[in-house]
Amino acid sequence: MDKYYYGYEEFREDTRVLKSKVLGFDAEAIVAIARGGYAVAQALAEGLDIRNLQSIRTELYDDDRKRENITILGTCTFENIKKVLVVDDIADSGETLAHVMEYFQNNYPDVEFQSATLFYKKSSVYEPTYWVQEANVWIDFFWERDFL
């Protein structure tokens, strides 16, 4: 399998691009999808000066075995919030992001949700509202490799 190492310098530039893309949405809160979305969500929260940064965790795999259903763990609070940006690192299969977006839209019908990722694969079942690069190979993010 082809792999591409995605380092900090590229992350910094792509996050700046992503920030410029999401600016017009005027999000009041950001939700990171753990764990991949943490670094991106933190960078966007700082860059956009959004203090309301929350997270959820999803589980789709047990080791290398895919589950029948995605499990969402954790809760978010959107009291007096009208616009939320949901952030992950990549829309790979898209199943996680599609499920999370559906979950939020069903459970918080008065809130507008948009999604943002650094990478998007054309084979994904869900295309994020905002994304920066198309992925054609496996992405090795620096936060997954550099601290092992």
Protein backbone atom coordinates (compact mmCIF):
# COMPACT_ATOMS: atom_id res chain seq x y z
CA MET A 1 0.00 0.00 0.00
CA ASP A 2 1.34 3.42 -0.95
CA LYS A 3 1.77 5.80 1.99
CA TYR A 4 2.30 9.52 2.15
CA TYR A 5 3.94 11.14 5.17
CA TYR A 6 2.04 14.32 6.07
CA GLY A 7 4.34 16.57 8.09
CA TYR A 8 3.81 19.60 10.27
CA GLU A 9 4.75 22.25 7.68
CA GLU A 10 2.20 20.92 5.19
CA PHE A 11 -0.38 20.63 8.00
CA ARG A 12 0.21 24.26 8.95
CA GLU A 13 -0.28 25.46 5.37
CA ASP A 14 -3.33 23.27 4.72
CA THR A 15 -4.92 24.37 8.00
CA ARG A 16 -4.52 27.99 6.91
CA VAL A 17 -6.26 27.13 3.63
CA LEU A 18 -9.02 25.27 5.49
CA LYS A 19 -9.44 28.23 7.84
CA SER A 20 -9.97 30.57 4.89
CA LYS A 21 -12.56 28.19 3.43
CA VAL A 22 -14.64 27.94 6.62
CA LEU A 23 -14.46 31.64 7.58
CA GLY A 24 -17.76 32.55 5.90
CA PHE A 25 -19.67 29.90 7.86
CA ASP A 26 -19.15 31.85 11.11
CA ALA A 27 -19.15 28.76 13.34
CA GLU A 28 -19.79 29.38 17.02
CA ALA A 29 -18.44 25.99 18.09
CA ILE A 30 -16.16 23.28 16.74
CA VAL A 31 -16.52 19.55 17.37
CA ALA A 32 -13.46 17.36 16.87
CA ILE A 33 -14.00 13.73 15.93
CA ALA A 34 -11.49 11.85 18.06
CA ARG A 35 -8.74 11.14 17.53
CA GLY A 36 -7.84 12.28 14.04
CA GLY A 37 -9.81 15.49 14.25
CA TYR A 38 -8.13 16.79 17.41
CA ALA A 39 -5.08 18.45 15.83
CA VAL A 40 -7.09 20.02 13.02
CA ALA A 41 -9.89 21.20 15.34
CA GLN A 42 -7.43 22.73 17.83
CA ALA A 43 -5.60 24.59 15.05
CA LEU A 44 -8.88 25.89 13.59
CA ALA A 45 -10.21 26.90 17.01
CA GLU A 46 -7.06 28.94 17.61
CA GLY A 47 -7.04 30.43 14.12
CA LEU A 48 -10.73 31.33 14.18
CA ASP A 49 -10.69 32.38 17.86
CA ILE A 50 -13.46 29.93 18.76
CA ARG A 51 -13.31 29.02 22.43
CA ASN A 52 -16.15 26.48 22.28
CA LEU A 53 -14.18 23.40 21.25
CA GLN A 54 -15.82 20.05 22.01
CA SER A 55 -15.21 16.46 20.97
CA ILE A 56 -16.83 13.10 20.45
CA ARG A 57 -15.31 9.70 19.85
CA THR A 58 -16.47 7.10 17.39
CA GLU A 59 -15.74 3.40 17.12
CA LEU A 60 -16.11 1.52 13.85
CA TYR A 61 -13.34 -1.06 14.24
CA ASP A 62 -12.27 -3.57 16.86
CA ASP A 63 -8.59 -4.01 16.00
CA ASP A 64 -8.90 -4.79 12.26
CA ARG A 65 -12.50 -6.07 12.36
CA LYS A 66 -15.16 -3.65 11.16
CA ARG A 67 -18.30 -3.41 13.28
CA GLU A 68 -21.84 -3.53 11.91
CA ASN A 69 -22.62 -0.10 13.35
CA ILE A 70 -20.66 2.96 14.34
CA THR A 71 -20.77 3.79 18.03
CA ILE A 72 -20.69 7.45 19.11
CA LEU A 73 -19.26 8.06 22.56
CA GLY A 74 -19.51 11.33 24.45
CA THR A 75 -21.92 14.20 24.26
CA CYS A 76 -21.85 17.79 23.13
CA THR A 77 -23.77 20.80 24.40
CA PHE A 78 -25.00 23.39 21.94
CA GLU A 79 -26.96 25.72 24.20
CA ASN A 80 -27.51 29.06 22.41
CA ILE A 81 -25.39 27.82 19.47
CA LYS A 82 -26.68 28.08 15.91
CA LYS A 83 -23.66 27.00 13.80
CA VAL A 84 -21.22 24.17 14.48
CA LEU A 85 -18.22 23.00 12.46
CA VAL A 86 -17.53 19.25 12.72
CA VAL A 87 -13.85 18.49 12.07
CA ASP A 88 -11.89 15.35 11.22
CA ASP A 89 -8.53 14.74 9.55
CA ILE A 90 -9.80 12.78 6.53
CA ALA A 91 -12.99 11.57 4.89
CA ASP A 92 -11.63 8.16 3.94
CA SER A 93 -14.56 5.75 3.63
CA GLY A 94 -16.74 8.63 4.82
CA GLU A 95 -18.85 6.33 6.97
CA THR A 96 -17.82 7.91 10.27
CA LEU A 97 -18.37 11.47 9.12
CA ALA A 98 -21.70 10.63 7.45
CA HIS A 99 -22.91 8.93 10.62
CA VAL A 100 -21.74 11.75 12.90
CA MET A 101 -23.35 14.44 10.72
CA GLU A 102 -26.64 12.52 10.60
CA TYR A 103 -26.51 12.02 14.38
CA PHE A 104 -26.00 15.73 15.04
CA GLN A 105 -28.65 16.85 12.54
CA ASN A 106 -31.20 14.43 14.00
CA ASN A 107 -30.44 15.31 17.62
CA TYR A 108 -29.98 19.07 17.25
CA PRO A 109 -32.41 20.14 14.49
CA ASP A 110 -32.13 23.85 15.35
CA VAL A 111 -28.36 23.89 14.80
CA GLU A 112 -26.67 24.15 11.39
CA PHE A 113 -23.76 21.71 11.02
CA GLN A 114 -21.05 21.81 8.40
CA SER A 115 -18.01 19.55 8.14
CA ALA A 116 -14.33 20.14 7.42
CA THR A 117 -11.38 17.84 6.78
CA LEU A 118 -7.86 18.22 5.48
CA PHE A 119 -8.24 15.27 3.11
CA TYR A 120 -11.07 13.78 1.10
CA LYS A 121 -11.09 10.56 -0.92
CA LYS A 122 -13.36 10.60 -3.98
CA SER A 123 -14.47 7.07 -3.05
CA SER A 124 -15.87 8.37 0.26
CA VAL A 125 -19.62 7.98 0.82
CA TYR A 126 -19.64 11.49 2.31
CA GLU A 127 -18.05 14.65 0.96
CA PRO A 128 -17.22 17.20 3.66
CA THR A 129 -18.55 20.72 3.22
CA TYR A 130 -14.92 21.93 3.22
CA TRP A 131 -11.73 20.02 2.41
CA VAL A 132 -8.26 20.88 1.17
CA GLN A 133 -6.56 17.93 -0.54
CA GLU A 134 -7.75 14.86 -2.38
CA ALA A 135 -6.19 11.68 -0.99
CA ASN A 136 -5.22 8.87 -3.34
CA VAL A 137 -2.96 6.94 -0.95
CA TRP A 138 -2.79 6.15 2.76
CA ILE A 139 -1.95 9.33 4.71
CA ASP A 140 0.53 8.97 7.58
CA PHE A 141 -0.21 12.05 9.68
CA PHE A 142 2.71 13.40 11.69
CA TRP A 143 0.69 13.19 14.92
CA GLU A 144 0.24 9.47 14.33
CA ARG A 145 3.93 8.75 13.63
CA ASP A 146 6.24 11.31 15.18
CA PHE A 147 5.41 10.56 18.80
CA LEU A 148 5.61 6.75 18.75
